[in-house]
Amino acid sequence: MENASKALIMAAGILIGILILSLAVYLFASFGANSKEIYDRIEQNQLTQYNAQYNVFLDRKDITIYEIISVANLAAENNKKYELYTNFETDYKVQVIFNAPSHFTTNLQDIIGQETQSLIDDFSDVATNEAPSSYVDVGELRYRFNCYGVEYNNAGRVCRIFFGAVSI
């Protein structure tokens, strides 16, 4: 009888041990799934915030050359930040394509200094009194541009943004 009670105590100990191990495995798996879900949400929020910097221009028809140069500078900073990544060309590179009368630049983010100043000089003329009042008020910039497209890469990040001239 003494041996039987010791055997029952040992069996109960083993069952409690298995129960504790099962609970630990369940909690580990549950917390792992929750942390992955939270990580995915954070990653999605970061992607949305990143794309919002460029998507804010989409379908606008009142963009100035200064805003386009700012977007090009933003893309240049992004490209410099990620240029050493092995998948830079496919996942991180951003191109700004600018298409205006007598100007077509496929990589506006790569031009610097004198070329940037040349674009600003060419497209920041202030309207004169001769401009049709139905299109441009005196004192407004003569040249306006639109963002007619944004392309995304396989990771869902903006990889190209297109700007063109709006005729006035």
Protein backbone atom coordinates (compact mmCIF):
# COMPACT_ATOMS: atom_id res chain seq x y z
CA MET A 1 0.00 0.00 0.00
CA GLU A 2 2.88 2.28 0.73
CA ASN A 3 4.37 1.62 -2.72
CA ALA A 4 1.03 2.29 -4.39
CA SER A 5 0.68 5.71 -2.74
CA LYS A 6 4.27 6.62 -3.73
CA ALA A 7 3.51 5.52 -7.31
CA LEU A 8 0.40 7.71 -7.36
CA ILE A 9 2.37 10.69 -6.05
CA MET A 10 5.06 10.17 -8.71
CA ALA A 11 2.42 9.84 -11.45
CA ALA A 12 0.71 13.03 -10.24
CA GLY A 13 4.08 14.82 -10.25
CA ILE A 14 4.74 13.72 -13.82
CA LEU A 15 1.26 14.83 -14.92
CA ILE A 16 1.71 18.24 -13.26
CA GLY A 17 5.11 18.56 -14.96
CA ILE A 18 3.62 17.76 -18.35
CA LEU A 19 0.80 20.24 -17.68
CA ILE A 20 3.31 22.99 -16.81
CA LEU A 21 5.39 22.24 -19.92
CA SER A 22 2.27 22.27 -22.11
CA LEU A 23 1.21 25.61 -20.64
CA ALA A 24 4.69 27.05 -21.27
CA VAL A 25 4.66 25.90 -24.92
CA TYR A 26 1.16 27.32 -25.43
CA LEU A 27 2.12 30.70 -23.90
CA PHE A 28 5.33 30.85 -25.96
CA ALA A 29 3.44 30.19 -29.19
CA SER A 30 0.69 32.65 -28.27
CA PHE A 31 3.10 35.45 -27.36
CA GLY A 32 5.13 34.76 -30.51
CA ALA A 33 2.05 35.12 -32.71
CA ASN A 34 1.03 38.33 -30.94
CA SER A 35 4.48 39.86 -31.26
CA LYS A 36 4.59 39.00 -34.99
CA GLU A 37 1.20 40.65 -35.46
CA ILE A 38 2.37 43.77 -33.62
CA TYR A 39 5.60 43.83 -35.63
CA ASP A 40 3.63 43.55 -38.89
CA ARG A 41 1.36 46.41 -37.84
CA ILE A 42 4.34 48.62 -36.97
CA GLU A 43 5.96 47.79 -40.30
CA GLN A 44 2.73 48.62 -42.17
CA ASN A 45 2.43 51.95 -40.32
CA GLN A 46 6.02 52.83 -41.23
CA LEU A 47 5.35 51.98 -44.88
CA THR A 48 2.20 54.12 -44.88
CA GLN A 49 4.07 57.06 -43.34
CA TYR A 50 6.92 56.66 -45.83
CA ASN A 51 4.58 56.57 -48.84
CA ALA A 52 2.53 59.49 -47.52
CA GLN A 53 5.53 61.79 -48.08
CA TYR A 54 5.13 61.19 -51.81
CA ASN A 55 1.41 60.39 -52.15
CA VAL A 56 0.48 63.83 -50.84
CA PHE A 57 1.30 65.17 -54.33
CA LEU A 58 -0.71 62.62 -56.29
CA ASP A 59 -3.41 64.17 -58.54
CA ARG A 60 -2.56 67.73 -57.48
CA LYS A 61 -2.42 70.27 -60.29
CA ASP A 62 -1.00 73.22 -58.36
CA ILE A 63 2.52 72.01 -57.58
CA THR A 64 5.35 74.54 -57.84
CA ILE A 65 8.90 73.88 -58.99
CA TYR A 66 9.99 74.45 -55.40
CA GLU A 67 7.85 71.55 -54.19
CA ILE A 68 9.21 69.32 -56.95
CA ILE A 69 12.79 70.19 -55.97
CA SER A 70 11.86 69.39 -52.35
CA VAL A 71 10.53 65.98 -53.40
CA ALA A 72 13.72 65.38 -55.40
CA ASN A 73 15.81 66.27 -52.33
CA LEU A 74 13.70 63.92 -50.20
CA ALA A 75 14.27 61.12 -52.72
CA ALA A 76 18.01 61.88 -52.81
CA GLU A 77 18.20 61.67 -49.00
CA ASN A 78 16.29 58.38 -49.08
CA ASN A 79 18.61 56.97 -51.75
CA LYS A 80 21.71 58.05 -49.83
CA LYS A 81 20.36 56.45 -46.64
CA TYR A 82 19.72 53.06 -48.27
CA GLU A 83 22.37 52.97 -51.03
CA LEU A 84 24.51 50.35 -49.29
CA TYR A 85 21.66 47.87 -48.89
CA THR A 86 22.05 44.83 -51.12
CA ASN A 87 18.49 45.20 -52.44
CA PHE A 88 18.71 49.00 -52.88
CA GLU A 89 17.81 49.07 -56.59
CA THR A 90 14.68 46.93 -56.21
CA ASP A 91 13.36 47.85 -52.76
CA TYR A 92 14.59 51.30 -51.73
CA LYS A 93 15.57 53.50 -54.68
CA VAL A 94 13.22 56.41 -55.44
CA GLN A 95 13.24 58.20 -58.80
CA VAL A 96 11.65 61.55 -59.56
CA ILE A 97 10.66 61.93 -63.21
CA PHE A 98 10.09 65.51 -64.39
CA ASN A 99 8.50 66.25 -67.77
CA ALA A 100 7.96 69.87 -68.72
CA PRO A 101 8.34 71.93 -71.92
CA SER A 102 11.96 71.62 -73.11
CA HIS A 103 12.87 69.60 -70.00
CA PHE A 104 12.72 65.87 -69.38
CA THR A 105 14.65 64.48 -66.47
CA THR A 106 14.33 60.85 -65.43
CA ASN A 107 16.39 61.16 -62.27
CA LEU A 108 15.68 64.60 -60.89
CA GLN A 109 16.85 63.41 -57.47
CA ASP A 110 20.41 63.13 -58.85
CA ILE A 111 20.82 66.67 -60.17
CA ILE A 112 22.50 69.18 -57.91
CA GLY A 113 23.63 72.77 -57.67
CA GLN A 114 23.65 74.63 -60.98
CA GLU A 115 21.15 72.29 -62.68
CA THR A 116 18.67 72.70 -59.82
CA GLN A 117 19.08 76.47 -59.93
CA SER A 118 18.54 76.37 -63.68
CA LEU A 119 15.19 74.57 -63.22
CA ILE A 120 14.14 77.07 -60.57
CA ASP A 121 15.10 79.96 -62.84
CA ASP A 122 13.23 78.44 -65.80
CA PHE A 123 10.00 77.63 -63.97
CA SER A 124 9.57 80.21 -61.22
CA ASP A 125 8.76 83.25 -63.36
CA VAL A 126 6.13 85.42 -61.79
CA ALA A 127 3.13 86.09 -63.99
CA THR A 128 2.89 89.47 -65.59
CA ASN A 129 -0.14 91.65 -66.26
CA GLU A 130 -0.35 90.22 -69.79
CA ALA A 131 -1.29 86.76 -68.49
CA PRO A 132 -4.97 85.88 -68.92
CA SER A 133 -6.67 86.74 -65.66
CA SER A 134 -8.96 83.72 -65.93
CA TYR A 135 -5.94 81.45 -65.49
CA VAL A 136 -3.38 83.26 -63.39
CA ASP A 137 -3.73 86.10 -60.95
CA VAL A 138 -1.02 88.74 -61.03
CA GLY A 139 1.71 87.80 -58.61
CA GLU A 140 1.16 84.05 -58.80
CA LEU A 141 3.74 81.73 -60.24
CA ARG A 142 3.23 81.19 -63.96
CA TYR A 143 4.26 77.55 -64.02
CA ARG A 144 2.28 74.89 -62.26
CA PHE A 145 2.84 71.16 -62.39
CA ASN A 146 0.85 68.05 -61.61
CA CYS A 147 1.79 64.71 -60.19
CA TYR A 148 0.34 62.31 -62.70
CA GLY A 149 1.54 59.05 -61.24
CA VAL A 150 3.27 57.10 -58.52
CA GLU A 151 4.74 53.62 -58.94
CA TYR A 152 5.35 51.14 -56.14
CA ASN A 153 7.88 48.31 -55.92
CA ASN A 154 7.18 44.75 -54.79
CA ALA A 155 7.63 45.79 -51.14
CA GLY A 156 4.85 48.40 -51.51
CA ARG A 157 7.22 51.38 -51.28
CA VAL A 158 7.14 54.32 -53.67
CA CYS A 159 9.84 53.82 -56.30
CA ARG A 160 8.89 56.46 -58.92
CA ILE A 161 6.94 59.68 -58.84
CA PHE A 162 6.02 61.55 -62.04
CA PHE A 163 5.56 65.30 -62.47
CA GLY A 164 4.43 67.11 -65.62
CA ALA A 165 3.52 70.60 -66.69
CA VAL A 166 -0.01 71.92 -66.42
CA SER A 167 -0.91 74.21 -69.31
CA ILE A 168 -2.37 77.54 -68.32
